[in-house]
Amino acid sequence: MRTIDTIWPHLAAEQRLVAREGPATARAGRRLLLVTTTFPHELQRAKLMHCARLLSTEGRGVLWLVAEDAAAPSPDVSQLLSESGVPHVHLAFGPTRSGGNAQRNVALKYIRDRRLSGVVYNMDDDNAYHPSLWSELRLLGRRRVGIFAVRRSVWLAPACDGYFRGRWTAMTIERPVYNQSTGEFKHFSAGWCSGTKHNWQARMYGARKYCVDMGGFAFDAELLWRVEGEVWSFSRKQGGESELVDKLLGPSGSPAQLQPLANCGMDVLVFHNEYRHFPRPVRFPPARCT
C-alpha cells in the first residue's frame, strides 16, 4: 500500500500532462466500459484504489464494472467505489475462486443484456496502465476488436527507481506484428502462443487462434449483443481471451480483422503485473498497418 501511495504523485502528474494534450476530445468520445474482477485478499483494496485513481480524471467518459468473487457485494468495496467518484456498477457472483472467470462472465452479460454501448476493456487490477491508453481505446471503430501491445516481463536491474529506465533494453513485449512494406498482419509476437514443440503451454492448452493478453485487446460492446448464452465460458485459470475474440468475430473471423491501436501495436501502454510501479510509456517510431 505504501508503495502505491508513493508512486501515485508521479502518475497523477502524468495524468495531468496527458489531460493538457487534449482531454476534451478524449472524454467527449466513446464511453469506456471497464471490467475489473476482484476477490477478498490482503491487497484487494489497494489494487482497486489503484484502478480508481487511474480513472479519476475520466469523468463520465467511463463506466467501471467491478465484479466480486463473493455471494454479495461487500460493504468495503461498495464504500471504495462510492468514494472514488467514478461511475460504476458493483456486481457479485460466487464465491467460486476460479480466477475471475465467472465474475468476468457476469460483467460481460450485464453489458450485453442491457445493450450498453461503448468500448469494452478488461481492466485487471494488477496491471499498470499509462493514462494515454484511454484515448487510444476510444479510437476503436464500430463493431471492431482492437489489439495492442502488453509488456509481460522485464529483467531485474541492480537498482530500480520506479521508472524502469535500467530495464528498457531487456523486456518481453507481446504484440501484433505487421509487414512494414504492405501494412498487412503477419503474426503475433507472443512466445506462450507459439505452436512449437518447445512451448509447454501450447502443448498443454492447445494452439490459440488469437494470441492476445487479457490487457491487450478491447472491443465494441455491440459485438456482445449477438453472443448467445454464456459470454465467458472459459473455466481454466489461464486463457480464455482467444475464445472470447472468436465469439465476437464469428467463425469467419481472422487476426487480420483486428484493428491495431497504439501505433500499430508497437507502443506499450499496458504493463502486466506492474501495478506497484509508475508506468513510463514505451514509444517506437511510427509504424505502418492496415
Protein backbone atom coordinates (compact mmCIF):
# COMPACT_ATOMS: atom_id res chain seq x y z
CA MET A 1 0.00 0.00 0.00
CA ARG A 2 2.85 2.40 0.87
CA THR A 3 4.48 1.63 -2.47
CA ILE A 4 1.32 2.52 -4.38
CA ASP A 5 0.88 5.73 -2.37
CA THR A 6 4.50 6.67 -3.11
CA ILE A 7 4.22 6.32 -6.88
CA TRP A 8 0.78 7.92 -7.12
CA PRO A 9 2.09 11.55 -7.22
CA HIS A 10 4.18 10.60 -10.28
CA LEU A 11 1.20 9.01 -12.01
CA ALA A 12 -1.04 11.96 -11.15
CA ALA A 13 1.47 14.31 -12.75
CA GLU A 14 1.49 12.15 -15.89
CA GLN A 15 -2.32 12.19 -15.95
CA ARG A 16 -2.32 15.99 -15.83
CA LEU A 17 0.17 16.08 -18.71
CA VAL A 18 -1.99 13.75 -20.82
CA ALA A 19 -5.07 15.80 -19.95
CA ARG A 20 -3.43 19.01 -21.18
CA GLU A 21 -2.76 17.35 -24.53
CA GLY A 22 -6.46 17.14 -25.29
CA PRO A 23 -8.82 15.90 -22.58
CA ALA A 24 -11.96 17.39 -24.11
CA THR A 25 -11.71 15.38 -27.31
CA ALA A 26 -10.86 12.17 -25.47
CA ARG A 27 -13.63 12.34 -22.90
CA ALA A 28 -16.16 13.51 -25.49
CA GLY A 29 -15.53 10.34 -27.50
CA ARG A 30 -16.83 6.85 -26.92
CA ARG A 31 -17.60 5.67 -23.41
CA LEU A 32 -15.27 3.06 -21.95
CA LEU A 33 -16.83 0.04 -20.25
CA LEU A 34 -14.05 -1.22 -17.99
CA VAL A 35 -14.40 -4.66 -16.40
CA THR A 36 -12.46 -5.49 -13.22
CA THR A 37 -12.80 -8.77 -11.35
CA THR A 38 -11.75 -8.94 -7.70
CA PHE A 39 -11.77 -11.27 -4.71
CA PRO A 40 -11.15 -10.85 -0.95
CA HIS A 41 -7.43 -10.73 -0.16
CA GLU A 42 -4.91 -8.54 1.60
CA LEU A 43 -4.24 -6.25 -1.36
CA GLN A 44 -7.79 -6.05 -2.69
CA ARG A 45 -8.46 -2.51 -1.51
CA ALA A 46 -5.04 -1.24 -2.59
CA LYS A 47 -5.43 -2.64 -6.10
CA LEU A 48 -8.94 -1.24 -6.52
CA MET A 49 -7.73 2.16 -5.28
CA HIS A 50 -5.01 1.94 -7.91
CA CYS A 51 -7.69 1.50 -10.61
CA ALA A 52 -9.91 4.22 -9.15
CA ARG A 53 -7.07 6.73 -9.22
CA LEU A 54 -6.32 5.90 -12.84
CA LEU A 55 -9.93 6.62 -13.77
CA SER A 56 -10.38 9.69 -11.59
CA THR A 57 -9.79 12.17 -14.44
CA GLU A 58 -12.09 10.49 -16.96
CA GLY A 59 -15.36 11.87 -15.58
CA ARG A 60 -18.50 10.48 -17.23
CA GLY A 61 -16.47 9.01 -20.06
CA VAL A 62 -16.17 5.65 -18.30
CA LEU A 63 -18.37 3.07 -16.63
CA TRP A 64 -16.39 0.85 -14.26
CA LEU A 65 -17.92 -2.60 -13.80
CA VAL A 66 -16.45 -4.26 -10.71
CA ALA A 67 -17.41 -7.91 -10.23
CA GLU A 68 -16.59 -9.51 -6.88
CA ASP A 69 -15.97 -13.19 -6.27
CA ALA A 70 -18.46 -13.21 -3.41
CA ALA A 71 -22.06 -14.10 -2.63
CA ALA A 72 -22.97 -10.41 -2.31
CA PRO A 73 -21.27 -7.04 -2.84
CA SER A 74 -19.05 -6.33 0.15
CA PRO A 75 -19.55 -3.09 2.12
CA ASP A 76 -15.83 -2.25 1.96
CA VAL A 77 -15.70 -2.40 -1.84
CA SER A 78 -19.03 -0.58 -2.11
CA GLN A 79 -17.66 2.25 0.01
CA LEU A 80 -14.47 2.47 -2.03
CA LEU A 81 -16.43 2.67 -5.28
CA SER A 82 -18.80 5.31 -3.92
CA GLU A 83 -15.93 7.45 -2.63
CA SER A 84 -13.98 7.13 -5.89
CA GLY A 85 -16.40 9.35 -7.81
CA VAL A 86 -16.03 7.06 -10.84
CA PRO A 87 -19.32 5.99 -12.47
CA HIS A 88 -19.58 2.31 -11.61
CA VAL A 89 -21.64 -0.86 -11.38
CA HIS A 90 -20.95 -3.18 -8.45
CA LEU A 91 -21.66 -6.86 -9.14
CA ALA A 92 -21.03 -10.07 -7.22
CA PHE A 93 -21.14 -13.76 -8.04
CA GLY A 94 -19.79 -16.71 -6.10
CA PRO A 95 -17.70 -17.44 -4.25
CA THR A 96 -16.00 -19.52 -6.94
CA ARG A 97 -12.24 -18.84 -6.64
CA SER A 98 -11.79 -19.73 -10.29
CA GLY A 99 -9.51 -16.94 -11.43
CA GLY A 100 -12.29 -14.42 -12.06
CA ASN A 101 -13.83 -16.35 -14.95
CA ALA A 102 -17.38 -16.48 -13.58
CA GLN A 103 -17.22 -12.86 -12.47
CA ARG A 104 -16.00 -11.68 -15.88
CA ASN A 105 -18.87 -13.58 -17.46
CA VAL A 106 -21.37 -11.82 -15.18
CA ALA A 107 -19.99 -8.38 -16.09
CA LEU A 108 -19.98 -9.07 -19.83
CA LYS A 109 -23.53 -10.43 -19.69
CA TYR A 110 -24.56 -7.27 -17.82
CA ILE A 111 -23.26 -5.20 -20.74
CA ARG A 112 -24.92 -7.44 -23.31
CA ASP A 113 -28.31 -7.83 -21.62
CA ARG A 114 -28.67 -4.06 -21.12
CA ARG A 115 -27.42 -3.26 -24.62
CA LEU A 116 -24.79 -0.87 -23.26
CA SER A 117 -22.73 0.87 -25.91
CA GLY A 118 -19.08 1.80 -25.81
CA VAL A 119 -15.65 0.19 -25.83
CA VAL A 120 -15.25 -2.83 -23.54
CA TYR A 121 -11.86 -3.39 -21.91
CA ASN A 122 -10.77 -5.90 -19.27
CA MET A 123 -9.00 -3.73 -16.70
CA ASP A 124 -7.21 -6.20 -14.44
CA ASP A 125 -6.34 -4.62 -11.11
CA ASP A 126 -2.77 -5.96 -11.03
CA ASN A 127 -1.64 -4.25 -14.24
CA ALA A 128 -0.20 -0.78 -14.71
CA TYR A 129 -1.70 1.49 -17.36
CA HIS A 130 -0.42 4.70 -18.85
CA PRO A 131 -3.17 7.38 -18.91
CA SER A 132 -2.91 7.82 -22.69
CA LEU A 133 -4.34 4.32 -23.10
CA TRP A 134 -7.87 5.65 -22.61
CA SER A 135 -7.73 7.95 -25.63
CA GLU A 136 -6.30 5.10 -27.73
CA LEU A 137 -9.20 2.84 -26.79
CA ARG A 138 -11.67 5.49 -27.94
CA LEU A 139 -10.22 5.27 -31.45
CA LEU A 140 -11.70 1.79 -31.87
CA GLY A 141 -14.09 1.53 -34.80
CA ARG A 142 -17.68 0.33 -34.65
CA ARG A 143 -18.06 -3.43 -34.36
CA ARG A 144 -14.30 -3.90 -34.24
CA VAL A 145 -11.90 -5.69 -31.94
CA GLY A 146 -8.75 -3.73 -31.22
CA ILE A 147 -5.34 -5.10 -30.32
CA PHE A 148 -2.22 -3.50 -28.85
CA ALA A 149 1.00 -4.31 -27.02
CA VAL A 150 1.45 -5.50 -23.43
CA ARG A 151 4.74 -5.66 -21.58
CA ARG A 152 4.79 -9.06 -19.90
CA SER A 153 8.10 -9.02 -18.05
CA VAL A 154 11.31 -7.11 -17.50
CA TRP A 155 14.76 -8.18 -16.39
CA LEU A 156 15.75 -7.22 -12.87
CA ALA A 157 18.09 -4.26 -12.65
CA PRO A 158 20.75 -3.64 -9.96
CA ALA A 159 18.59 -0.79 -8.67
CA CYS A 160 15.13 0.39 -9.57
CA ASP A 161 13.99 4.00 -9.32
CA GLY A 162 10.37 3.13 -10.14
CA TYR A 163 10.67 4.19 -13.78
CA PHE A 164 12.32 1.03 -15.18
CA ARG A 165 14.88 3.15 -17.02
CA GLY A 166 17.51 0.50 -16.42
CA ARG A 167 15.27 -2.24 -17.76
CA TRP A 168 14.13 -0.92 -21.10
CA THR A 169 16.81 -2.83 -23.01
CA ALA A 170 15.68 -6.18 -21.60
CA MET A 171 11.94 -6.78 -21.57
CA THR A 172 9.34 -9.05 -23.09
CA ILE A 173 6.59 -7.38 -25.14
CA GLU A 174 3.64 -9.21 -26.65
CA ARG A 175 2.17 -7.52 -29.69
CA PRO A 176 0.78 -7.97 -33.19
CA VAL A 177 3.37 -7.72 -35.96
CA TYR A 178 2.63 -6.06 -39.30
CA ASN A 179 4.53 -6.08 -42.58
CA GLN A 180 6.09 -2.63 -42.81
CA SER A 181 6.06 -2.72 -46.61
CA THR A 182 2.40 -3.64 -47.12
CA GLY A 183 0.92 -2.90 -43.69
CA GLU A 184 -0.66 -6.36 -43.59
CA PHE A 185 -0.87 -8.51 -40.48
CA LYS A 186 1.99 -11.04 -40.22
CA HIS A 187 1.79 -12.82 -36.88
CA PHE A 188 1.55 -12.44 -33.13
CA SER A 189 4.72 -11.94 -31.12
CA ALA A 190 3.82 -13.98 -28.02
CA GLY A 191 6.04 -16.88 -27.01
CA TRP A 192 3.38 -18.66 -24.98
CA CYS A 193 1.17 -18.85 -28.07
CA SER A 194 3.75 -20.45 -30.29
CA GLY A 195 2.85 -23.84 -31.67
CA THR A 196 6.43 -25.12 -31.45
CA LYS A 197 7.20 -28.38 -29.67
CA HIS A 198 9.20 -26.47 -27.07
CA ASN A 199 6.20 -24.46 -25.86
CA TRP A 200 4.72 -26.32 -22.88
CA GLN A 201 1.70 -24.01 -22.66
CA ALA A 202 0.75 -24.64 -26.28
CA ARG A 203 1.18 -28.36 -25.72
CA MET A 204 -0.95 -28.29 -22.57
CA TYR A 205 -3.72 -25.90 -23.64
CA GLY A 206 -3.59 -26.17 -27.41
CA ALA A 207 -2.83 -23.58 -30.09
CA ARG A 208 -4.64 -20.25 -29.97
CA LYS A 209 -6.16 -18.50 -32.95
CA TYR A 210 -5.82 -15.06 -31.35
CA CYS A 211 -2.68 -14.67 -29.26
CA VAL A 212 -3.83 -11.76 -27.13
CA ASP A 213 -3.28 -10.97 -23.46
CA MET A 214 -6.23 -10.01 -21.27
CA GLY A 215 -4.91 -6.44 -21.18
CA GLY A 216 -4.02 -6.34 -24.88
CA PHE A 217 -7.40 -6.12 -26.59
CA ALA A 218 -10.67 -4.17 -26.47
CA PHE A 219 -13.90 -4.45 -28.41
CA ASP A 220 -17.09 -2.64 -29.36
CA ALA A 221 -19.88 -3.56 -26.95
CA GLU A 222 -22.26 -4.09 -29.88
CA LEU A 223 -20.37 -7.28 -30.72
CA LEU A 224 -21.62 -8.74 -27.44
CA TRP A 225 -25.25 -8.24 -28.38
CA ARG A 226 -25.20 -11.15 -30.82
CA VAL A 227 -23.43 -13.58 -28.46
CA GLU A 228 -25.92 -16.08 -27.07
CA GLY A 229 -25.66 -17.96 -23.79
CA GLU A 230 -22.60 -17.57 -21.60
CA VAL A 231 -20.19 -14.92 -22.86
CA TRP A 232 -17.08 -16.02 -20.97
CA SER A 233 -17.44 -19.78 -20.56
CA PHE A 234 -13.75 -20.47 -20.07
CA SER A 235 -13.01 -22.27 -16.79
CA ARG A 236 -9.23 -22.68 -16.55
CA LYS A 237 -7.11 -20.06 -14.80
CA GLN A 238 -5.05 -19.42 -17.95
CA GLY A 239 -6.51 -18.40 -21.28
CA GLY A 240 -9.98 -17.51 -22.48
CA GLU A 241 -9.06 -14.42 -24.45
CA SER A 242 -8.83 -16.19 -27.81
CA GLU A 243 -12.14 -17.93 -27.22
CA LEU A 244 -13.88 -14.62 -26.50
CA VAL A 245 -12.45 -12.90 -29.58
CA ASP A 246 -13.56 -15.88 -31.65
CA LYS A 247 -17.12 -15.42 -30.37
CA LEU A 248 -17.02 -11.70 -31.11
CA LEU A 249 -15.73 -12.02 -34.69
CA GLY A 250 -17.54 -15.24 -35.55
CA PRO A 251 -16.28 -18.37 -37.32
CA SER A 252 -15.18 -16.41 -40.39
CA GLY A 253 -13.06 -14.01 -38.34
CA SER A 254 -9.29 -13.86 -38.58
CA PRO A 255 -6.38 -12.00 -36.93
CA ALA A 256 -6.20 -9.75 -40.00
CA GLN A 257 -9.58 -8.28 -38.99
CA LEU A 258 -8.25 -6.97 -35.67
CA GLN A 259 -7.83 -3.19 -35.51
CA PRO A 260 -4.30 -2.27 -34.41
CA LEU A 261 -4.12 0.54 -31.85
CA ALA A 262 -1.27 2.48 -30.22
CA ASN A 263 0.98 2.90 -33.24
CA CYS A 264 0.09 -0.40 -34.91
CA GLY A 265 0.61 -2.28 -31.67
CA MET A 266 4.17 -1.03 -31.28
CA ASP A 267 3.85 1.44 -28.38
CA VAL A 268 3.48 -0.05 -24.90
CA LEU A 269 0.85 1.48 -22.62
CA VAL A 270 -0.11 -1.65 -20.61
CA PHE A 271 2.23 -3.36 -18.16
CA HIS A 272 1.37 -6.85 -16.91
CA ASN A 273 1.53 -7.33 -13.12
CA GLU A 274 3.31 -3.99 -12.63
CA TYR A 275 0.68 -2.16 -10.57
CA ARG A 276 3.29 -1.30 -7.93
CA HIS A 277 5.32 0.76 -10.38
CA PHE A 278 4.94 4.04 -12.21
CA PRO A 279 4.48 3.16 -15.91
CA ARG A 280 6.53 5.05 -18.44
CA PRO A 281 5.16 4.53 -21.96
CA VAL A 282 7.48 2.71 -24.34
CA ARG A 283 7.34 4.55 -27.67
CA PHE A 284 8.61 3.44 -31.06
CA PRO A 285 8.93 5.18 -34.46
CA PRO A 286 5.66 5.42 -36.42
CA ALA A 287 4.72 2.04 -37.86
CA ARG A 288 2.59 1.02 -40.83
CA CYS A 289 -0.51 -1.18 -40.62
CA THR A 290 -3.87 -1.58 -42.33
